[in-house]
Amino acid sequence: SKIDINNCNIYREYEFVYEEDNITYHGIIDLMLEYSDNIKIIDYKLKNISDNEYVKQLNGYKNYIEKLFKKKVDIYLYSIILSKLEKI
């Protein structure tokens, strides 16, 4: 699938820290594209993109960013070796 990188704010290595239920979460989003009505989060992995831990991690990013930006968020994993982009 293609992602349009025109008409969006591009954030690379977007770092965040937040606290929920007395647990501190810290993450760095590889690539975040902010459009007028939605946001796409893309996480780079070397090869394997079918690990459930990644899905859990990305859903954490998604929940946080949706609250922060008040926009719909789609999450993707990108395999560098396979040049494959997969929507989660």
N, C-alpha and C. Protein backbone atom coordinates (compact mmCIF):
# COMPACT_ATOMS: atom_id res chain seq x y z
N SER A 1 0.84 -1.20 0.00
CA SER A 1 0.00 0.00 0.00
C SER A 1 0.87 1.25 0.00
N LYS A 2 0.39 2.26 -0.63
CA LYS A 2 1.11 3.53 -0.74
C LYS A 2 0.63 4.50 0.34
N ILE A 3 1.54 5.29 0.81
CA ILE A 3 1.18 6.33 1.78
C ILE A 3 1.61 7.67 1.20
N ASP A 4 0.67 8.59 1.17
CA ASP A 4 0.93 9.93 0.65
C ASP A 4 1.68 10.75 1.69
N ILE A 5 2.86 11.23 1.31
CA ILE A 5 3.62 12.04 2.28
C ILE A 5 3.54 13.53 1.95
N ASN A 6 2.62 13.89 1.07
CA ASN A 6 2.37 15.31 0.80
C ASN A 6 1.28 15.78 1.76
N ASN A 7 1.24 17.06 1.98
CA ASN A 7 0.18 17.66 2.81
C ASN A 7 0.09 17.05 4.21
N CYS A 8 1.22 16.76 4.80
CA CYS A 8 1.20 16.27 6.18
C CYS A 8 2.42 16.78 6.94
N ASN A 9 2.28 16.82 8.25
CA ASN A 9 3.43 17.11 9.11
C ASN A 9 4.15 15.79 9.35
N ILE A 10 5.46 15.80 9.17
CA ILE A 10 6.24 14.57 9.32
C ILE A 10 7.06 14.67 10.61
N TYR A 11 6.86 13.68 11.47
CA TYR A 11 7.65 13.61 12.71
C TYR A 11 8.50 12.36 12.65
N ARG A 12 9.80 12.53 12.81
CA ARG A 12 10.71 11.38 12.86
C ARG A 12 11.21 11.23 14.29
N GLU A 13 11.31 9.99 14.74
CA GLU A 13 11.82 9.74 16.11
C GLU A 13 11.03 10.56 17.13
N TYR A 14 9.70 10.47 17.06
CA TYR A 14 8.83 11.23 17.96
C TYR A 14 8.83 10.56 19.33
N GLU A 15 9.43 11.25 20.29
CA GLU A 15 9.59 10.67 21.63
C GLU A 15 8.48 11.16 22.56
N PHE A 16 8.01 10.23 23.40
CA PHE A 16 6.96 10.63 24.34
C PHE A 16 7.10 9.85 25.64
N VAL A 17 6.56 10.45 26.70
CA VAL A 17 6.50 9.83 28.01
C VAL A 17 5.13 10.16 28.58
N TYR A 18 4.44 9.15 29.09
CA TYR A 18 3.17 9.43 29.76
C TYR A 18 2.96 8.42 30.87
N GLU A 19 2.07 8.79 31.78
CA GLU A 19 1.81 7.92 32.93
C GLU A 19 0.34 7.50 32.92
N GLU A 20 0.11 6.23 33.17
CA GLU A 20 -1.25 5.71 33.25
C GLU A 20 -1.27 4.61 34.30
N ASP A 21 -2.22 4.69 35.22
CA ASP A 21 -2.33 3.71 36.30
C ASP A 21 -1.01 3.53 37.05
N ASN A 22 -0.35 4.65 37.33
CA ASN A 22 0.93 4.66 38.06
C ASN A 22 2.06 3.94 37.33
N ILE A 23 1.91 3.72 36.04
CA ILE A 23 2.99 3.13 35.24
C ILE A 23 3.45 4.19 34.25
N THR A 24 4.76 4.39 34.15
CA THR A 24 5.31 5.36 33.21
C THR A 24 5.64 4.65 31.91
N TYR A 25 5.10 5.18 30.81
CA TYR A 25 5.37 4.62 29.49
C TYR A 25 6.27 5.59 28.73
N HIS A 26 7.25 5.03 28.05
CA HIS A 26 8.18 5.84 27.27
C HIS A 26 8.32 5.16 25.92
N GLY A 27 8.24 5.93 24.86
CA GLY A 27 8.39 5.34 23.55
C GLY A 27 8.94 6.32 22.55
N ILE A 28 9.45 5.77 21.46
CA ILE A 28 9.91 6.59 20.34
C ILE A 28 9.25 6.04 19.09
N ILE A 29 8.44 6.87 18.47
CA ILE A 29 7.75 6.47 17.24
C ILE A 29 8.68 6.79 16.07
N ASP A 30 9.00 5.76 15.28
CA ASP A 30 9.94 5.93 14.18
C ASP A 30 9.49 7.03 13.21
N LEU A 31 8.23 6.93 12.78
CA LEU A 31 7.72 7.89 11.82
C LEU A 31 6.24 8.13 12.09
N MET A 32 5.87 9.40 12.16
CA MET A 32 4.47 9.75 12.37
C MET A 32 4.09 10.81 11.35
N LEU A 33 3.01 10.54 10.62
CA LEU A 33 2.53 11.47 9.59
C LEU A 33 1.19 12.04 10.05
N GLU A 34 1.14 13.35 10.23
CA GLU A 34 -0.08 13.99 10.70
C GLU A 34 -0.77 14.70 9.54
N TYR A 35 -1.98 14.25 9.23
CA TYR A 35 -2.81 14.86 8.20
C TYR A 35 -3.88 15.70 8.89
N SER A 36 -4.68 16.42 8.10
CA SER A 36 -5.70 17.28 8.71
C SER A 36 -6.71 16.49 9.52
N ASP A 37 -7.03 15.26 9.10
CA ASP A 37 -8.07 14.50 9.80
C ASP A 37 -7.63 13.16 10.36
N ASN A 38 -6.35 12.80 10.20
CA ASN A 38 -5.87 11.52 10.75
C ASN A 38 -4.36 11.52 10.88
N ILE A 39 -3.87 10.47 11.53
CA ILE A 39 -2.44 10.31 11.75
C ILE A 39 -2.07 8.87 11.40
N LYS A 40 -0.91 8.70 10.77
CA LYS A 40 -0.39 7.37 10.48
C LYS A 40 0.92 7.21 11.25
N ILE A 41 1.02 6.10 11.99
CA ILE A 41 2.24 5.77 12.73
C ILE A 41 2.89 4.60 12.00
N ILE A 42 4.16 4.75 11.66
CA ILE A 42 4.89 3.69 10.97
C ILE A 42 6.09 3.31 11.82
N ASP A 43 6.18 2.04 12.16
CA ASP A 43 7.27 1.53 12.98
C ASP A 43 8.15 0.64 12.11
N TYR A 44 9.44 0.91 12.11
CA TYR A 44 10.37 0.13 11.30
C TYR A 44 10.87 -1.07 12.07
N LYS A 45 10.90 -2.21 11.41
CA LYS A 45 11.53 -3.40 11.97
C LYS A 45 12.48 -3.92 10.91
N LEU A 46 13.53 -4.61 11.35
CA LEU A 46 14.50 -5.11 10.39
C LEU A 46 13.85 -6.13 9.46
N LYS A 47 13.22 -7.15 10.04
CA LYS A 47 12.63 -8.17 9.18
C LYS A 47 11.27 -8.63 9.64
N ASN A 48 11.22 -9.29 10.79
CA ASN A 48 9.98 -9.91 11.24
C ASN A 48 8.97 -8.85 11.67
N ILE A 49 7.82 -8.80 10.98
CA ILE A 49 6.80 -7.83 11.37
C ILE A 49 5.54 -8.52 11.88
N SER A 50 5.65 -9.80 12.20
CA SER A 50 4.45 -10.51 12.64
C SER A 50 4.51 -10.91 14.11
N ASP A 51 5.20 -10.11 14.91
CA ASP A 51 5.34 -10.39 16.34
C ASP A 51 4.24 -9.66 17.12
N ASN A 52 3.56 -10.40 17.99
CA ASN A 52 2.46 -9.80 18.76
C ASN A 52 2.92 -8.68 19.69
N GLU A 53 4.17 -8.74 20.14
CA GLU A 53 4.70 -7.67 21.00
C GLU A 53 4.71 -6.34 20.27
N TYR A 54 5.01 -6.37 18.97
CA TYR A 54 5.01 -5.14 18.18
C TYR A 54 3.60 -4.55 18.11
N VAL A 55 2.62 -5.43 17.93
CA VAL A 55 1.23 -5.01 17.83
C VAL A 55 0.80 -4.34 19.13
N LYS A 56 1.18 -4.95 20.25
CA LYS A 56 0.86 -4.40 21.57
C LYS A 56 1.52 -3.02 21.75
N GLN A 57 2.78 -2.94 21.38
CA GLN A 57 3.55 -1.70 21.49
C GLN A 57 2.89 -0.61 20.63
N LEU A 58 2.54 -0.96 19.39
CA LEU A 58 1.94 0.03 18.50
C LEU A 58 0.55 0.47 18.94
N ASN A 59 -0.20 -0.43 19.52
CA ASN A 59 -1.51 -0.05 20.04
C ASN A 59 -1.37 0.92 21.20
N GLY A 60 -0.31 0.76 21.98
CA GLY A 60 -0.01 1.73 23.05
C GLY A 60 0.28 3.10 22.46
N TYR A 61 1.09 3.14 21.40
CA TYR A 61 1.40 4.40 20.72
C TYR A 61 0.10 5.03 20.20
N LYS A 62 -0.72 4.18 19.55
CA LYS A 62 -1.97 4.64 18.93
C LYS A 62 -2.89 5.29 19.97
N ASN A 63 -3.10 4.60 21.10
CA ASN A 63 -3.99 5.13 22.14
C ASN A 63 -3.50 6.47 22.66
N TYR A 64 -2.20 6.56 22.88
CA TYR A 64 -1.62 7.80 23.40
C TYR A 64 -1.77 8.95 22.39
N ILE A 65 -1.42 8.69 21.16
CA ILE A 65 -1.45 9.73 20.12
C ILE A 65 -2.89 10.17 19.82
N GLU A 66 -3.82 9.22 19.83
CA GLU A 66 -5.24 9.58 19.62
C GLU A 66 -5.72 10.55 20.69
N LYS A 67 -5.34 10.27 21.94
CA LYS A 67 -5.74 11.17 23.04
C LYS A 67 -5.08 12.53 22.90
N LEU A 68 -3.82 12.52 22.54
CA LEU A 68 -3.04 13.76 22.46
C LEU A 68 -3.49 14.66 21.30
N PHE A 69 -3.68 14.07 20.12
CA PHE A 69 -3.98 14.86 18.92
C PHE A 69 -5.48 14.92 18.59
N LYS A 70 -6.29 14.08 19.26
CA LYS A 70 -7.74 14.02 19.00
C LYS A 70 -8.04 13.73 17.53
N LYS A 71 -7.29 12.77 16.96
CA LYS A 71 -7.49 12.37 15.57
C LYS A 71 -7.43 10.85 15.49
N LYS A 72 -8.04 10.31 14.44
CA LYS A 72 -8.00 8.87 14.18
C LYS A 72 -6.55 8.49 13.82
N VAL A 73 -6.08 7.38 14.37
CA VAL A 73 -4.72 6.93 14.13
C VAL A 73 -4.72 5.54 13.50
N ASP A 74 -3.96 5.39 12.42
CA ASP A 74 -3.72 4.08 11.81
C ASP A 74 -2.27 3.70 12.09
N ILE A 75 -2.05 2.42 12.35
CA ILE A 75 -0.70 1.97 12.66
C ILE A 75 -0.21 0.96 11.62
N TYR A 76 1.09 1.05 11.32
CA TYR A 76 1.71 0.22 10.30
C TYR A 76 3.05 -0.31 10.81
N LEU A 77 3.41 -1.49 10.34
CA LEU A 77 4.75 -2.01 10.55
C LEU A 77 5.43 -2.09 9.19
N TYR A 78 6.70 -1.68 9.16
CA TYR A 78 7.44 -1.72 7.91
C TYR A 78 8.68 -2.60 8.09
N SER A 79 8.80 -3.63 7.27
CA SER A 79 9.97 -4.49 7.29
C SER A 79 11.01 -3.93 6.33
N ILE A 80 12.15 -3.54 6.86
CA ILE A 80 13.21 -2.94 6.05
C ILE A 80 13.78 -3.96 5.05
N ILE A 81 14.06 -5.16 5.51
CA ILE A 81 14.65 -6.18 4.64
C ILE A 81 13.68 -6.61 3.54
N LEU A 82 12.41 -6.79 3.91
CA LEU A 82 11.43 -7.26 2.93
C LEU A 82 10.77 -6.12 2.15
N SER A 83 11.09 -4.86 2.51
CA SER A 83 10.44 -3.69 1.90
C SER A 83 8.92 -3.85 1.89
N LYS A 84 8.39 -4.26 3.03
CA LYS A 84 6.96 -4.57 3.10
C LYS A 84 6.29 -3.71 4.17
N LEU A 85 5.20 -3.06 3.79
CA LEU A 85 4.43 -2.24 4.71
C LEU A 85 3.12 -2.96 5.01
N GLU A 86 2.85 -3.12 6.29
CA GLU A 86 1.65 -3.86 6.67
C GLU A 86 0.84 -3.04 7.65
N LYS A 87 -0.44 -2.84 7.33
CA LYS A 87 -1.34 -2.12 8.24
C LYS A 87 -1.77 -3.07 9.35
N ILE A 88 -1.75 -2.58 10.58
CA ILE A 88 -2.13 -3.42 11.74
C ILE A 88 -3.58 -3.18 12.07
